[in-house]
PDB file of all heavy atoms in Angstrom:
ATOM      1  N   VAL A   1     -13.947 -21.702   1.164  1.00  0.00           N
ATOM      2  CA  VAL A   1     -15.053 -20.947   1.746  1.00  0.00           C
ATOM      3  C   VAL A   1     -16.266 -21.867   1.786  1.00  0.00           C
ATOM      4  O   VAL A   1     -16.138 -23.071   1.589  1.00  0.00           O
ATOM      5  CB  VAL A   1     -15.350 -19.643   0.964  1.00  0.00           C
ATOM      6  CG1 VAL A   1     -14.223 -18.650   1.145  1.00  0.00           C
ATOM      7  CG2 VAL A   1     -15.613 -19.897  -0.506  1.00  0.00           C
ATOM      8  N   ARG A   2     -17.406 -21.305   2.014  1.00  0.00           N
ATOM      9  CA  ARG A   2     -18.687 -21.962   2.241  1.00  0.00           C
ATOM     10  C   ARG A   2     -18.777 -22.235   3.735  1.00  0.00           C
ATOM     11  O   ARG A   2     -17.781 -22.432   4.413  1.00  0.00           O
ATOM     12  CB  ARG A   2     -18.890 -23.201   1.382  1.00  0.00           C
ATOM     13  CG  ARG A   2     -18.831 -22.849  -0.129  1.00  0.00           C
ATOM     14  CD  ARG A   2     -19.102 -23.970  -1.060  1.00  0.00           C
ATOM     15  NE  ARG A   2     -20.385 -24.592  -0.897  1.00  0.00           N
ATOM     16  CZ  ARG A   2     -21.525 -24.152  -1.440  1.00  0.00           C
ATOM     17  NH1 ARG A   2     -21.545 -23.053  -2.170  1.00  0.00           N
ATOM     18  NH2 ARG A   2     -22.642 -24.814  -1.268  1.00  0.00           N
ATOM     19  N   SER A   3     -19.955 -22.214   4.250  1.00  0.00           N
ATOM     20  CA  SER A   3     -20.156 -22.210   5.699  1.00  0.00           C
ATOM     21  C   SER A   3     -19.621 -23.452   6.395  1.00  0.00           C
ATOM     22  O   SER A   3     -19.239 -23.387   7.558  1.00  0.00           O
ATOM     23  CB  SER A   3     -21.639 -22.009   6.030  1.00  0.00           C
ATOM     24  OG  SER A   3     -22.405 -23.077   5.498  1.00  0.00           O
ATOM     25  N   ARG A   4     -19.551 -24.585   5.688  1.00  0.00           N
ATOM     26  CA  ARG A   4     -19.079 -25.816   6.322  1.00  0.00           C
ATOM     27  C   ARG A   4     -17.677 -26.212   5.864  1.00  0.00           C
ATOM     28  O   ARG A   4     -17.186 -27.287   6.209  1.00  0.00           O
ATOM     29  CB  ARG A   4     -20.091 -26.936   6.097  1.00  0.00           C
ATOM     30  CG  ARG A   4     -21.400 -26.660   6.863  1.00  0.00           C
ATOM     31  CD  ARG A   4     -22.515 -27.652   6.603  1.00  0.00           C
ATOM     32  NE  ARG A   4     -22.152 -29.047   6.490  1.00  0.00           N
ATOM     33  CZ  ARG A   4     -21.863 -29.862   7.523  1.00  0.00           C
ATOM     34  NH1 ARG A   4     -21.898 -29.389   8.753  1.00  0.00           N
ATOM     35  NH2 ARG A   4     -21.552 -31.116   7.322  1.00  0.00           N
ATOM     36  N   ALA A   5     -17.023 -25.388   5.069  1.00  0.00           N
ATOM     37  CA  ALA A   5     -15.632 -25.578   4.642  1.00  0.00           C
ATOM     38  C   ALA A   5     -15.345 -27.020   4.214  1.00  0.00           C
ATOM     39  O   ALA A   5     -15.857 -27.487   3.216  1.00  0.00           O
ATOM     40  CB  ALA A   5     -14.680 -25.100   5.724  1.00  0.00           C
ATOM     41  N   CYS A   6     -14.531 -27.746   4.984  1.00  0.00           N
ATOM     42  CA  CYS A   6     -14.141 -29.119   4.623  1.00  0.00           C
ATOM     43  C   CYS A   6     -15.291 -30.110   4.688  1.00  0.00           C
ATOM     44  O   CYS A   6     -15.198 -31.190   4.102  1.00  0.00           O
ATOM     45  CB  CYS A   6     -13.015 -29.605   5.530  1.00  0.00           C
ATOM     46  SG  CYS A   6     -11.437 -28.889   5.118  1.00  0.00           S
ATOM     47  N   ALA A   7     -16.336 -29.786   5.397  1.00  0.00           N
ATOM     48  CA  ALA A   7     -17.476 -30.688   5.484  1.00  0.00           C
ATOM     49  C   ALA A   7     -18.519 -30.398   4.400  1.00  0.00           C
ATOM     50  O   ALA A   7     -19.491 -31.129   4.287  1.00  0.00           O
ATOM     51  CB  ALA A   7     -18.123 -30.595   6.865  1.00  0.00           C
ATOM     52  N   ASP A   8     -18.312 -29.359   3.612  1.00  0.00           N
ATOM     53  CA  ASP A   8     -19.253 -29.010   2.555  1.00  0.00           C
ATOM     54  C   ASP A   8     -19.129 -30.008   1.410  1.00  0.00           C
ATOM     55  O   ASP A   8     -18.040 -30.229   0.870  1.00  0.00           O
ATOM     56  CB  ASP A   8     -18.960 -27.596   2.056  1.00  0.00           C
ATOM     57  CG  ASP A   8     -19.914 -27.173   0.968  1.00  0.00           C
ATOM     58  OD1 ASP A   8     -20.973 -26.616   1.299  1.00  0.00           O
ATOM     59  OD2 ASP A   8     -19.598 -27.426  -0.219  1.00  0.00           O
ATOM     60  N   ARG A   9     -20.241 -30.612   1.026  1.00  0.00           N
ATOM     61  CA  ARG A   9     -20.197 -31.661  -0.004  1.00  0.00           C
ATOM     62  C   ARG A   9     -19.710 -31.138  -1.348  1.00  0.00           C
ATOM     63  O   ARG A   9     -19.049 -31.860  -2.101  1.00  0.00           O
ATOM     64  CB  ARG A   9     -21.554 -32.348  -0.138  1.00  0.00           C
ATOM     65  CG  ARG A   9     -22.665 -31.494  -0.675  1.00  0.00           C
ATOM     66  CD  ARG A   9     -24.014 -32.255  -0.705  1.00  0.00           C
ATOM     67  NE  ARG A   9     -25.091 -31.397  -1.121  1.00  0.00           N
ATOM     68  CZ  ARG A   9     -25.462 -31.226  -2.393  1.00  0.00           C
ATOM     69  NH1 ARG A   9     -24.849 -31.877  -3.360  1.00  0.00           N
ATOM     70  NH2 ARG A   9     -26.450 -30.405  -2.690  1.00  0.00           N
ATOM     71  N   HIS A  10     -19.995 -29.880  -1.679  1.00  0.00           N
ATOM     72  CA  HIS A  10     -19.514 -29.313  -2.940  1.00  0.00           C
ATOM     73  C   HIS A  10     -17.997 -29.130  -2.902  1.00  0.00           C
ATOM     74  O   HIS A  10     -17.311 -29.453  -3.873  1.00  0.00           O
ATOM     75  CB  HIS A  10     -20.206 -27.987  -3.245  1.00  0.00           C
ATOM     76  CG  HIS A  10     -21.677 -28.107  -3.422  1.00  0.00           C
ATOM     77  ND1 HIS A  10     -22.247 -28.695  -4.530  1.00  0.00           N
ATOM     78  CD2 HIS A  10     -22.705 -27.740  -2.625  1.00  0.00           C
ATOM     79  CE1 HIS A  10     -23.554 -28.674  -4.413  1.00  0.00           C
ATOM     80  NE2 HIS A  10     -23.863 -28.100  -3.261  1.00  0.00           N
ATOM     81  N   ASN A  11     -17.485 -28.602  -1.794  1.00  0.00           N
ATOM     82  CA  ASN A  11     -16.038 -28.464  -1.662  1.00  0.00           C
ATOM     83  C   ASN A  11     -15.358 -29.820  -1.779  1.00  0.00           C
ATOM     84  O   ASN A  11     -14.356 -29.973  -2.492  1.00  0.00           O
ATOM     85  CB  ASN A  11     -15.668 -27.821  -0.318  1.00  0.00           C
ATOM     86  CG  ASN A  11     -15.875 -26.325  -0.310  1.00  0.00           C
ATOM     87  OD1 ASN A  11     -15.981 -25.683  -1.339  1.00  0.00           O
ATOM     88  ND2 ASN A  11     -15.931 -25.760   0.888  1.00  0.00           N
ATOM     89  N   LEU A  12     -15.892 -30.815  -1.077  1.00  0.00           N
ATOM     90  CA  LEU A  12     -15.299 -32.152  -1.131  1.00  0.00           C
ATOM     91  C   LEU A  12     -15.333 -32.718  -2.544  1.00  0.00           C
ATOM     92  O   LEU A  12     -14.355 -33.330  -3.003  1.00  0.00           O
ATOM     93  CB  LEU A  12     -16.010 -33.091  -0.158  1.00  0.00           C
ATOM     94  CG  LEU A  12     -15.792 -32.782   1.322  1.00  0.00           C
ATOM     95  CD1 LEU A  12     -16.689 -33.666   2.177  1.00  0.00           C
ATOM     96  CD2 LEU A  12     -14.328 -32.937   1.699  1.00  0.00           C
ATOM     97  N   LYS A  13     -16.445 -32.518  -3.232  1.00  0.00           N
ATOM     98  CA  LYS A  13     -16.570 -33.014  -4.608  1.00  0.00           C
ATOM     99  C   LYS A  13     -15.487 -32.415  -5.496  1.00  0.00           C
ATOM    100  O   LYS A  13     -14.808 -33.121  -6.243  1.00  0.00           O
ATOM    101  CB  LYS A  13     -17.950 -32.674  -5.170  1.00  0.00           C
ATOM    102  CG  LYS A  13     -18.125 -33.052  -6.644  1.00  0.00           C
ATOM    103  CD  LYS A  13     -19.432 -32.546  -7.196  1.00  0.00           C
ATOM    104  CE  LYS A  13     -19.176 -31.186  -7.810  1.00  0.00           C
ATOM    105  NZ  LYS A  13     -20.267 -30.665  -8.614  1.00  0.00           N
ATOM    106  N   TRP A  14     -15.292 -31.090  -5.409  1.00  0.00           N
ATOM    107  CA  TRP A  14     -14.324 -30.426  -6.280  1.00  0.00           C
ATOM    108  C   TRP A  14     -12.888 -30.743  -5.894  1.00  0.00           C
ATOM    109  O   TRP A  14     -12.035 -30.941  -6.767  1.00  0.00           O
ATOM    110  CB  TRP A  14     -14.579 -28.917  -6.323  1.00  0.00           C
ATOM    111  CG  TRP A  14     -15.770 -28.601  -7.151  1.00  0.00           C
ATOM    112  CD1 TRP A  14     -16.995 -28.163  -6.714  1.00  0.00           C
ATOM    113  CD2 TRP A  14     -15.891 -28.760  -8.563  1.00  0.00           C
ATOM    114  NE1 TRP A  14     -17.859 -28.031  -7.773  1.00  0.00           N
ATOM    115  CE2 TRP A  14     -17.207 -28.391  -8.923  1.00  0.00           C
ATOM    116  CE3 TRP A  14     -15.018 -29.176  -9.560  1.00  0.00           C
ATOM    117  CZ2 TRP A  14     -17.658 -28.418 -10.247  1.00  0.00           C
ATOM    118  CZ3 TRP A  14     -15.472 -29.209 -10.874  1.00  0.00           C
ATOM    119  CH2 TRP A  14     -16.770 -28.831 -11.195  1.00  0.00           C
ATOM    120  N   ILE A  15     -12.595 -30.796  -4.602  1.00  0.00           N
ATOM    121  CA  ILE A  15     -11.236 -31.148  -4.177  1.00  0.00           C
ATOM    122  C   ILE A  15     -10.898 -32.552  -4.673  1.00  0.00           C
ATOM    123  O   ILE A  15      -9.827 -32.797  -5.240  1.00  0.00           O
ATOM    124  CB  ILE A  15     -11.089 -31.053  -2.644  1.00  0.00           C
ATOM    125  CG1 ILE A  15     -11.165 -29.588  -2.198  1.00  0.00           C
ATOM    126  CG2 ILE A  15      -9.773 -31.691  -2.182  1.00  0.00           C
ATOM    127  CD1 ILE A  15     -11.313 -29.412  -0.702  1.00  0.00           C
ATOM    128  N   ARG A  16     -11.815 -33.481  -4.451  1.00  0.00           N
ATOM    129  CA  ARG A  16     -11.589 -34.861  -4.895  1.00  0.00           C
ATOM    130  C   ARG A  16     -11.416 -34.910  -6.420  1.00  0.00           C
ATOM    131  O   ARG A  16     -10.509 -35.562  -6.924  1.00  0.00           O
ATOM    132  CB  ARG A  16     -12.743 -35.755  -4.448  1.00  0.00           C
ATOM    133  CG  ARG A  16     -12.527 -37.228  -4.805  1.00  0.00           C
ATOM    134  CD  ARG A  16     -13.627 -38.117  -4.290  1.00  0.00           C
ATOM    135  NE  ARG A  16     -13.589 -38.405  -2.879  1.00  0.00           N
ATOM    136  CZ  ARG A  16     -12.641 -39.107  -2.260  1.00  0.00           C
ATOM    137  NH1 ARG A  16     -11.609 -39.537  -2.919  1.00  0.00           N
ATOM    138  NH2 ARG A  16     -12.730 -39.365  -0.976  1.00  0.00           N
ATOM    139  N   HIS A  17     -12.292 -34.219  -7.154  1.00  0.00           N
ATOM    140  CA  HIS A  17     -12.193 -34.209  -8.617  1.00  0.00           C
ATOM    141  C   HIS A  17     -10.844 -33.662  -9.067  1.00  0.00           C
ATOM    142  O   HIS A  17     -10.161 -34.274  -9.900  1.00  0.00           O
ATOM    143  CB  HIS A  17     -13.336 -33.382  -9.223  1.00  0.00           C
ATOM    144  CG  HIS A  17     -13.146 -33.112 -10.681  1.00  0.00           C
ATOM    145  ND1 HIS A  17     -13.272 -34.092 -11.648  1.00  0.00           N
ATOM    146  CD2 HIS A  17     -12.819 -31.962 -11.339  1.00  0.00           C
ATOM    147  CE1 HIS A  17     -13.024 -33.559 -12.842  1.00  0.00           C
ATOM    148  NE2 HIS A  17     -12.759 -32.276 -12.677  1.00  0.00           N
ATOM    149  N   TYR A  18     -10.464 -32.514  -8.557  1.00  0.00           N
ATOM    150  CA  TYR A  18      -9.200 -31.907  -8.971  1.00  0.00           C
ATOM    151  C   TYR A  18      -8.011 -32.809  -8.634  1.00  0.00           C
ATOM    152  O   TYR A  18      -7.127 -33.019  -9.459  1.00  0.00           O
ATOM    153  CB  TYR A  18      -9.016 -30.533  -8.317  1.00  0.00           C
ATOM    154  CG  TYR A  18      -9.870 -29.415  -8.893  1.00  0.00           C
ATOM    155  CD1 TYR A  18     -10.037 -28.241  -8.181  1.00  0.00           C
ATOM    156  CD2 TYR A  18     -10.495 -29.511 -10.130  1.00  0.00           C
ATOM    157  CE1 TYR A  18     -10.799 -27.185  -8.688  1.00  0.00           C
ATOM    158  CE2 TYR A  18     -11.259 -28.475 -10.645  1.00  0.00           C
ATOM    159  CZ  TYR A  18     -11.403 -27.309  -9.918  1.00  0.00           C
ATOM    160  OH  TYR A  18     -12.150 -26.268 -10.425  1.00  0.00           O
ATOM    161  N   CYS A  19      -7.983 -33.343  -7.419  1.00  0.00           N
ATOM    162  CA  CYS A  19      -6.823 -34.130  -6.994  1.00  0.00           C
ATOM    163  C   CYS A  19      -6.752 -35.493  -7.676  1.00  0.00           C
ATOM    164  O   CYS A  19      -5.662 -35.988  -7.961  1.00  0.00           O
ATOM    165  CB  CYS A  19      -6.816 -34.289  -5.477  1.00  0.00           C
ATOM    166  SG  CYS A  19      -6.469 -32.739  -4.613  1.00  0.00           S
ATOM    167  N   GLU A  20      -7.894 -36.112  -7.941  1.00  0.00           N
ATOM    168  CA  GLU A  20      -7.880 -37.413  -8.614  1.00  0.00           C
ATOM    169  C   GLU A  20      -7.640 -37.273 -10.119  1.00  0.00           C
ATOM    170  O   GLU A  20      -6.978 -38.112 -10.723  1.00  0.00           O
ATOM    171  CB  GLU A  20      -9.187 -38.161  -8.357  1.00  0.00           C
ATOM    172  CG  GLU A  20      -9.301 -38.658  -6.930  1.00  0.00           C
ATOM    173  CD  GLU A  20     -10.620 -39.343  -6.627  1.00  0.00           C
ATOM    174  OE1 GLU A  20     -11.572 -39.274  -7.457  1.00  0.00           O
ATOM    175  OE2 GLU A  20     -10.711 -39.939  -5.535  1.00  0.00           O
ATOM    176  N   THR A  21      -8.162 -36.221 -10.714  1.00  0.00           N
ATOM    177  CA  THR A  21      -8.007 -36.012 -12.150  1.00  0.00           C
ATOM    178  C   THR A  21      -6.624 -35.473 -12.498  1.00  0.00           C
ATOM    179  O   THR A  21      -6.103 -35.774 -13.573  1.00  0.00           O
ATOM    180  CB  THR A  21      -9.095 -35.039 -12.666  1.00  0.00           C
ATOM    181  OG1 THR A  21     -10.379 -35.532 -12.270  1.00  0.00           O
ATOM    182  CG2 THR A  21      -9.057 -34.893 -14.178  1.00  0.00           C
ATOM    183  N   TYR A  22      -6.043 -34.718 -11.588  1.00  0.00           N
ATOM    184  CA  TYR A  22      -4.764 -34.046 -11.839  1.00  0.00           C
ATOM    185  C   TYR A  22      -3.764 -34.413 -10.734  1.00  0.00           C
ATOM    186  O   TYR A  22      -3.451 -33.605  -9.855  1.00  0.00           O
ATOM    187  CB  TYR A  22      -4.977 -32.531 -11.916  1.00  0.00           C
ATOM    188  CG  TYR A  22      -6.013 -32.148 -12.944  1.00  0.00           C
ATOM    189  CD1 TYR A  22      -7.307 -31.815 -12.565  1.00  0.00           C
ATOM    190  CD2 TYR A  22      -5.709 -32.169 -14.298  1.00  0.00           C
ATOM    191  CE1 TYR A  22      -8.269 -31.488 -13.512  1.00  0.00           C
ATOM    192  CE2 TYR A  22      -6.670 -31.848 -15.256  1.00  0.00           C
ATOM    193  CZ  TYR A  22      -7.948 -31.509 -14.853  1.00  0.00           C
ATOM    194  OH  TYR A  22      -8.897 -31.199 -15.798  1.00  0.00           O
ATOM    195  N   PRO A  23      -3.240 -35.637 -10.750  1.00  0.00           N
ATOM    196  CA  PRO A  23      -2.427 -36.135  -9.636  1.00  0.00           C
ATOM    197  C   PRO A  23      -1.038 -35.522  -9.518  1.00  0.00           C
ATOM    198  O   PRO A  23      -0.349 -35.755  -8.513  1.00  0.00           O
ATOM    199  CB  PRO A  23      -2.338 -37.639  -9.920  1.00  0.00           C
ATOM    200  CG  PRO A  23      -2.467 -37.746 -11.407  1.00  0.00           C
ATOM    201  CD  PRO A  23      -3.428 -36.651 -11.794  1.00  0.00           C
ATOM    202  N   ASN A  24      -0.619 -34.722 -10.492  1.00  0.00           N
ATOM    203  CA  ASN A  24       0.722 -34.141 -10.434  1.00  0.00           C
ATOM    204  C   ASN A  24       0.752 -32.782  -9.739  1.00  0.00           C
ATOM    205  O   ASN A  24       1.809 -32.221  -9.531  1.00  0.00           O
ATOM    206  CB  ASN A  24       1.304 -34.023 -11.851  1.00  0.00           C
ATOM    207  CG  ASN A  24       2.796 -33.835 -11.845  1.00  0.00           C
ATOM    208  OD1 ASN A  24       3.510 -34.440 -11.056  1.00  0.00           O
ATOM    209  ND2 ASN A  24       3.273 -32.989 -12.729  1.00  0.00           N
ATOM    210  N   LEU A  25      -0.418 -32.240  -9.376  1.00  0.00           N
ATOM    211  CA  LEU A  25      -0.432 -30.985  -8.627  1.00  0.00           C
ATOM    212  C   LEU A  25      -0.395 -31.297  -7.131  1.00  0.00           C
ATOM    213  O   LEU A  25      -0.652 -32.423  -6.720  1.00  0.00           O
ATOM    214  CB  LEU A  25      -1.652 -30.130  -8.981  1.00  0.00           C
ATOM    215  CG  LEU A  25      -3.019 -30.595  -8.527  1.00  0.00           C
ATOM    216  CD1 LEU A  25      -3.364 -30.054  -7.145  1.00  0.00           C
ATOM    217  CD2 LEU A  25      -4.064 -30.118  -9.511  1.00  0.00           C
ATOM    218  N   LYS A  26      -0.061 -30.314  -6.352  1.00  0.00           N
ATOM    219  CA  LYS A  26      -0.038 -30.455  -4.898  1.00  0.00           C
ATOM    220  C   LYS A  26      -1.020 -29.443  -4.322  1.00  0.00           C
ATOM    221  O   LYS A  26      -0.796 -28.247  -4.414  1.00  0.00           O
ATOM    222  CB  LYS A  26       1.370 -30.209  -4.367  1.00  0.00           C
ATOM    223  CG  LYS A  26       2.375 -31.241  -4.859  1.00  0.00           C
ATOM    224  CD  LYS A  26       3.748 -30.605  -4.983  1.00  0.00           C
ATOM    225  CE  LYS A  26       4.668 -31.410  -5.843  1.00  0.00           C
ATOM    226  NZ  LYS A  26       4.490 -31.209  -7.282  1.00  0.00           N
TER     227      LYS A  26
END
């Protein structure tokens, strides 16, 4: 969610954090 979805800097920050910190999830 959030008005800019994939372009939202907060969304990008959290997606990157989750995926880089937890590489075994999909």
